[in-house]
Amino acid sequence: MEICPLRVEDALGWLKGNERHYKSDAEPVFAIGLKMNGDLVGCAVVGERNKEAELCHIYSVGEYLGYTTLYGSVWRCAKAMGYKKMIL
């Protein structure tokens, strides 16, 4: 598995095609993807609400440690961007 950058539009499109329960009213800021053998198998979208990072949505198609890998990666990205807190 490897983490890859995604455009927010691409991540939202992938989520709509793979996960029915995508709903968040936070403004999307960035997205990351999870690839396995070149195929996208998961992604996470992080938004901003009241100057804090908020995990808008996260989904993996069942890869072992997919969610854990995505959680860790979005938090490291948010910290690098200057956020001090993330709402899950």
N, C-alpha and C. Protein backbone atom coordinates (compact mmCIF):
# COMPACT_ATOMS: atom_id res chain seq x y z
N MET A 1 0.85 -1.18 0.00
CA MET A 1 0.00 0.00 0.00
C MET A 1 0.88 1.23 0.00
N GLU A 2 0.39 2.24 -0.67
CA GLU A 2 1.12 3.50 -0.67
C GLU A 2 0.13 4.66 -0.66
N ILE A 3 0.52 5.74 0.01
CA ILE A 3 -0.27 6.95 0.07
C ILE A 3 0.02 7.77 -1.18
N CYS A 4 -1.00 8.41 -1.72
CA CYS A 4 -0.81 9.26 -2.90
C CYS A 4 -1.65 10.52 -2.75
N PRO A 5 -1.20 11.61 -3.34
CA PRO A 5 -2.01 12.84 -3.30
C PRO A 5 -3.20 12.70 -4.25
N LEU A 6 -4.30 13.33 -3.89
CA LEU A 6 -5.50 13.35 -4.74
C LEU A 6 -6.06 14.76 -4.78
N ARG A 7 -6.62 15.12 -5.91
CA ARG A 7 -7.38 16.36 -5.94
C ARG A 7 -8.68 16.10 -5.18
N VAL A 8 -9.19 17.13 -4.52
CA VAL A 8 -10.42 16.98 -3.75
C VAL A 8 -11.56 16.50 -4.64
N GLU A 9 -11.65 17.03 -5.86
CA GLU A 9 -12.72 16.63 -6.78
C GLU A 9 -12.64 15.14 -7.12
N ASP A 10 -11.42 14.64 -7.32
CA ASP A 10 -11.25 13.22 -7.63
C ASP A 10 -11.64 12.34 -6.45
N ALA A 11 -11.25 12.78 -5.25
CA ALA A 11 -11.60 12.01 -4.04
C ALA A 11 -13.11 11.99 -3.83
N LEU A 12 -13.77 13.12 -4.01
CA LEU A 12 -15.22 13.17 -3.82
C LEU A 12 -15.93 12.29 -4.85
N GLY A 13 -15.44 12.29 -6.07
CA GLY A 13 -16.01 11.43 -7.11
C GLY A 13 -15.83 9.96 -6.78
N TRP A 14 -14.65 9.59 -6.31
CA TRP A 14 -14.39 8.20 -5.93
C TRP A 14 -15.29 7.80 -4.77
N LEU A 15 -15.44 8.68 -3.78
CA LEU A 15 -16.29 8.37 -2.63
C LEU A 15 -17.74 8.18 -3.05
N LYS A 16 -18.23 9.03 -3.92
CA LYS A 16 -19.62 8.91 -4.37
C LYS A 16 -19.85 7.61 -5.11
N GLY A 17 -18.83 7.11 -5.80
CA GLY A 17 -18.97 5.85 -6.52
C GLY A 17 -18.78 4.61 -5.66
N ASN A 18 -18.18 4.77 -4.49
CA ASN A 18 -17.87 3.61 -3.64
C ASN A 18 -18.57 3.61 -2.29
N GLU A 19 -18.98 4.76 -1.80
CA GLU A 19 -19.57 4.84 -0.46
C GLU A 19 -20.83 5.67 -0.53
N ARG A 20 -21.94 5.12 -0.06
CA ARG A 20 -23.24 5.80 -0.16
C ARG A 20 -23.44 6.89 0.88
N HIS A 21 -22.75 6.83 1.99
CA HIS A 21 -23.07 7.68 3.13
C HIS A 21 -22.17 8.90 3.24
N TYR A 22 -21.74 9.45 2.12
CA TYR A 22 -20.87 10.62 2.16
C TYR A 22 -21.71 11.87 2.40
N LYS A 23 -21.53 12.48 3.59
CA LYS A 23 -22.22 13.73 3.90
C LYS A 23 -21.36 14.52 4.87
N SER A 24 -21.03 15.74 4.50
CA SER A 24 -20.33 16.65 5.38
C SER A 24 -20.51 18.05 4.84
N ASP A 25 -20.71 18.99 5.75
CA ASP A 25 -20.88 20.36 5.30
C ASP A 25 -19.62 21.21 5.52
N ALA A 26 -18.52 20.58 5.94
CA ALA A 26 -17.26 21.30 6.08
C ALA A 26 -16.66 21.56 4.70
N GLU A 27 -15.99 22.68 4.57
CA GLU A 27 -15.35 23.04 3.30
C GLU A 27 -14.11 22.18 3.08
N PRO A 28 -14.06 21.34 2.03
CA PRO A 28 -12.90 20.48 1.79
C PRO A 28 -11.62 21.30 1.55
N VAL A 29 -10.52 20.84 2.16
CA VAL A 29 -9.24 21.53 2.02
C VAL A 29 -8.25 20.67 1.25
N PHE A 30 -8.14 19.39 1.62
CA PHE A 30 -7.22 18.49 0.91
C PHE A 30 -7.72 17.06 0.99
N ALA A 31 -7.15 16.21 0.14
CA ALA A 31 -7.51 14.79 0.10
C ALA A 31 -6.26 13.97 -0.15
N ILE A 32 -6.28 12.76 0.37
CA ILE A 32 -5.21 11.81 0.09
C ILE A 32 -5.83 10.48 -0.32
N GLY A 33 -5.08 9.71 -1.06
CA GLY A 33 -5.57 8.41 -1.52
C GLY A 33 -4.67 7.29 -1.03
N LEU A 34 -5.17 6.09 -1.15
CA LEU A 34 -4.45 4.89 -0.78
C LEU A 34 -4.48 3.96 -1.99
N LYS A 35 -3.32 3.61 -2.50
CA LYS A 35 -3.25 2.75 -3.68
C LYS A 35 -2.64 1.40 -3.32
N MET A 36 -3.12 0.38 -4.01
CA MET A 36 -2.60 -0.97 -3.87
C MET A 36 -2.42 -1.51 -5.29
N ASN A 37 -1.21 -1.84 -5.65
CA ASN A 37 -0.91 -2.33 -7.01
C ASN A 37 -1.39 -1.36 -8.09
N GLY A 38 -1.29 -0.07 -7.83
CA GLY A 38 -1.68 0.94 -8.80
C GLY A 38 -3.15 1.31 -8.81
N ASP A 39 -3.98 0.58 -8.06
CA ASP A 39 -5.42 0.87 -8.02
C ASP A 39 -5.77 1.63 -6.75
N LEU A 40 -6.65 2.63 -6.87
CA LEU A 40 -7.11 3.38 -5.71
C LEU A 40 -8.05 2.51 -4.89
N VAL A 41 -7.70 2.27 -3.63
CA VAL A 41 -8.50 1.41 -2.76
C VAL A 41 -9.05 2.13 -1.55
N GLY A 42 -8.75 3.42 -1.42
CA GLY A 42 -9.25 4.19 -0.29
C GLY A 42 -8.88 5.65 -0.44
N CYS A 43 -9.60 6.50 0.29
CA CYS A 43 -9.24 7.91 0.31
C CYS A 43 -9.84 8.57 1.54
N ALA A 44 -9.32 9.74 1.83
CA ALA A 44 -9.80 10.55 2.95
C ALA A 44 -9.85 12.00 2.49
N VAL A 45 -10.89 12.70 2.93
CA VAL A 45 -11.06 14.12 2.62
C VAL A 45 -11.08 14.88 3.93
N VAL A 46 -10.26 15.91 4.01
CA VAL A 46 -10.19 16.74 5.22
C VAL A 46 -10.68 18.13 4.87
N GLY A 47 -11.52 18.67 5.73
CA GLY A 47 -12.06 20.00 5.54
C GLY A 47 -11.67 20.90 6.70
N GLU A 48 -12.23 22.09 6.69
CA GLU A 48 -11.96 23.05 7.76
C GLU A 48 -13.26 23.58 8.29
N ARG A 49 -13.35 23.64 9.62
CA ARG A 49 -14.51 24.20 10.29
C ARG A 49 -13.99 24.98 11.50
N ASN A 50 -14.30 26.25 11.56
CA ASN A 50 -13.88 27.10 12.67
C ASN A 50 -12.37 27.05 12.90
N LYS A 51 -11.60 27.12 11.84
CA LYS A 51 -10.13 27.13 11.88
C LYS A 51 -9.52 25.83 12.41
N GLU A 52 -10.30 24.76 12.45
CA GLU A 52 -9.81 23.45 12.85
C GLU A 52 -10.01 22.47 11.71
N ALA A 53 -9.10 21.52 11.59
CA ALA A 53 -9.22 20.49 10.57
C ALA A 53 -10.34 19.53 10.97
N GLU A 54 -11.11 19.08 10.00
CA GLU A 54 -12.17 18.12 10.26
C GLU A 54 -12.11 17.01 9.23
N LEU A 55 -12.08 15.79 9.68
CA LEU A 55 -12.09 14.65 8.77
C LEU A 55 -13.50 14.51 8.22
N CYS A 56 -13.68 14.95 6.98
CA CYS A 56 -15.01 14.93 6.36
C CYS A 56 -15.44 13.50 6.07
N HIS A 57 -14.52 12.73 5.50
CA HIS A 57 -14.88 11.35 5.17
C HIS A 57 -13.63 10.52 4.95
N ILE A 58 -13.74 9.27 5.30
CA ILE A 58 -12.65 8.32 5.09
C ILE A 58 -13.28 6.99 4.71
N TYR A 59 -12.70 6.34 3.71
CA TYR A 59 -13.25 5.06 3.28
C TYR A 59 -12.16 4.22 2.63
N SER A 60 -12.18 2.95 2.93
CA SER A 60 -11.27 1.99 2.31
C SER A 60 -12.10 0.77 1.91
N VAL A 61 -11.74 0.13 0.82
CA VAL A 61 -12.51 -1.01 0.33
C VAL A 61 -12.17 -2.30 1.05
N GLY A 62 -11.52 -2.22 2.18
CA GLY A 62 -11.27 -3.40 2.98
C GLY A 62 -9.82 -3.84 3.05
N GLU A 63 -8.92 -3.01 2.59
CA GLU A 63 -7.50 -3.36 2.67
C GLU A 63 -7.06 -3.41 4.12
N TYR A 64 -6.20 -4.36 4.44
CA TYR A 64 -5.68 -4.51 5.79
C TYR A 64 -4.93 -3.24 6.18
N LEU A 65 -5.30 -2.64 7.29
CA LEU A 65 -4.73 -1.40 7.82
C LEU A 65 -4.97 -0.19 6.93
N GLY A 66 -5.93 -0.25 6.04
CA GLY A 66 -6.23 0.87 5.16
C GLY A 66 -6.67 2.11 5.93
N TYR A 67 -7.62 1.94 6.84
CA TYR A 67 -8.11 3.08 7.61
C TYR A 67 -7.00 3.65 8.51
N THR A 68 -6.25 2.79 9.14
CA THR A 68 -5.17 3.23 10.02
C THR A 68 -4.13 4.04 9.24
N THR A 69 -3.78 3.57 8.07
CA THR A 69 -2.82 4.28 7.23
C THR A 69 -3.36 5.65 6.83
N LEU A 70 -4.62 5.71 6.45
CA LEU A 70 -5.21 6.99 6.06
C LEU A 70 -5.33 7.94 7.24
N TYR A 71 -5.78 7.45 8.40
CA TYR A 71 -5.87 8.31 9.59
C TYR A 71 -4.53 8.94 9.93
N GLY A 72 -3.49 8.15 9.98
CA GLY A 72 -2.17 8.67 10.30
C GLY A 72 -1.69 9.68 9.28
N SER A 73 -1.94 9.41 8.02
CA SER A 73 -1.48 10.30 6.96
C SER A 73 -2.20 11.65 6.97
N VAL A 74 -3.52 11.64 7.17
CA VAL A 74 -4.24 12.92 7.18
C VAL A 74 -3.83 13.76 8.38
N TRP A 75 -3.56 13.13 9.52
CA TRP A 75 -3.14 13.90 10.69
C TRP A 75 -1.75 14.50 10.46
N ARG A 76 -0.84 13.75 9.87
CA ARG A 76 0.49 14.31 9.58
C ARG A 76 0.39 15.46 8.58
N CYS A 77 -0.46 15.32 7.58
CA CYS A 77 -0.65 16.41 6.60
C CYS A 77 -1.24 17.65 7.27
N ALA A 78 -2.25 17.45 8.11
CA ALA A 78 -2.90 18.58 8.78
C ALA A 78 -1.91 19.30 9.71
N LYS A 79 -1.11 18.54 10.43
CA LYS A 79 -0.10 19.16 11.30
C LYS A 79 0.90 19.96 10.48
N ALA A 80 1.31 19.42 9.36
CA ALA A 80 2.27 20.12 8.50
C ALA A 80 1.68 21.42 7.95
N MET A 81 0.36 21.47 7.81
CA MET A 81 -0.31 22.67 7.32
C MET A 81 -0.58 23.67 8.44
N GLY A 82 -0.25 23.31 9.69
CA GLY A 82 -0.40 24.24 10.80
C GLY A 82 -1.60 24.02 11.69
N TYR A 83 -2.40 23.00 11.42
CA TYR A 83 -3.55 22.72 12.28
C TYR A 83 -3.06 22.11 13.59
N LYS A 84 -3.70 22.51 14.69
CA LYS A 84 -3.34 22.01 16.01
C LYS A 84 -4.29 20.93 16.50
N LYS A 85 -5.44 20.81 15.85
CA LYS A 85 -6.47 19.88 16.29
C LYS A 85 -7.22 19.36 15.08
N MET A 86 -7.66 18.10 15.16
CA MET A 86 -8.50 17.53 14.09
C MET A 86 -9.76 16.95 14.70
N ILE A 87 -10.88 17.33 14.16
CA ILE A 87 -12.16 16.79 14.59
C ILE A 87 -12.45 15.56 13.76
N LEU A 88 -12.76 14.45 14.45
CA LEU A 88 -13.04 13.21 13.72
C LEU A 88 -14.51 13.00 13.54
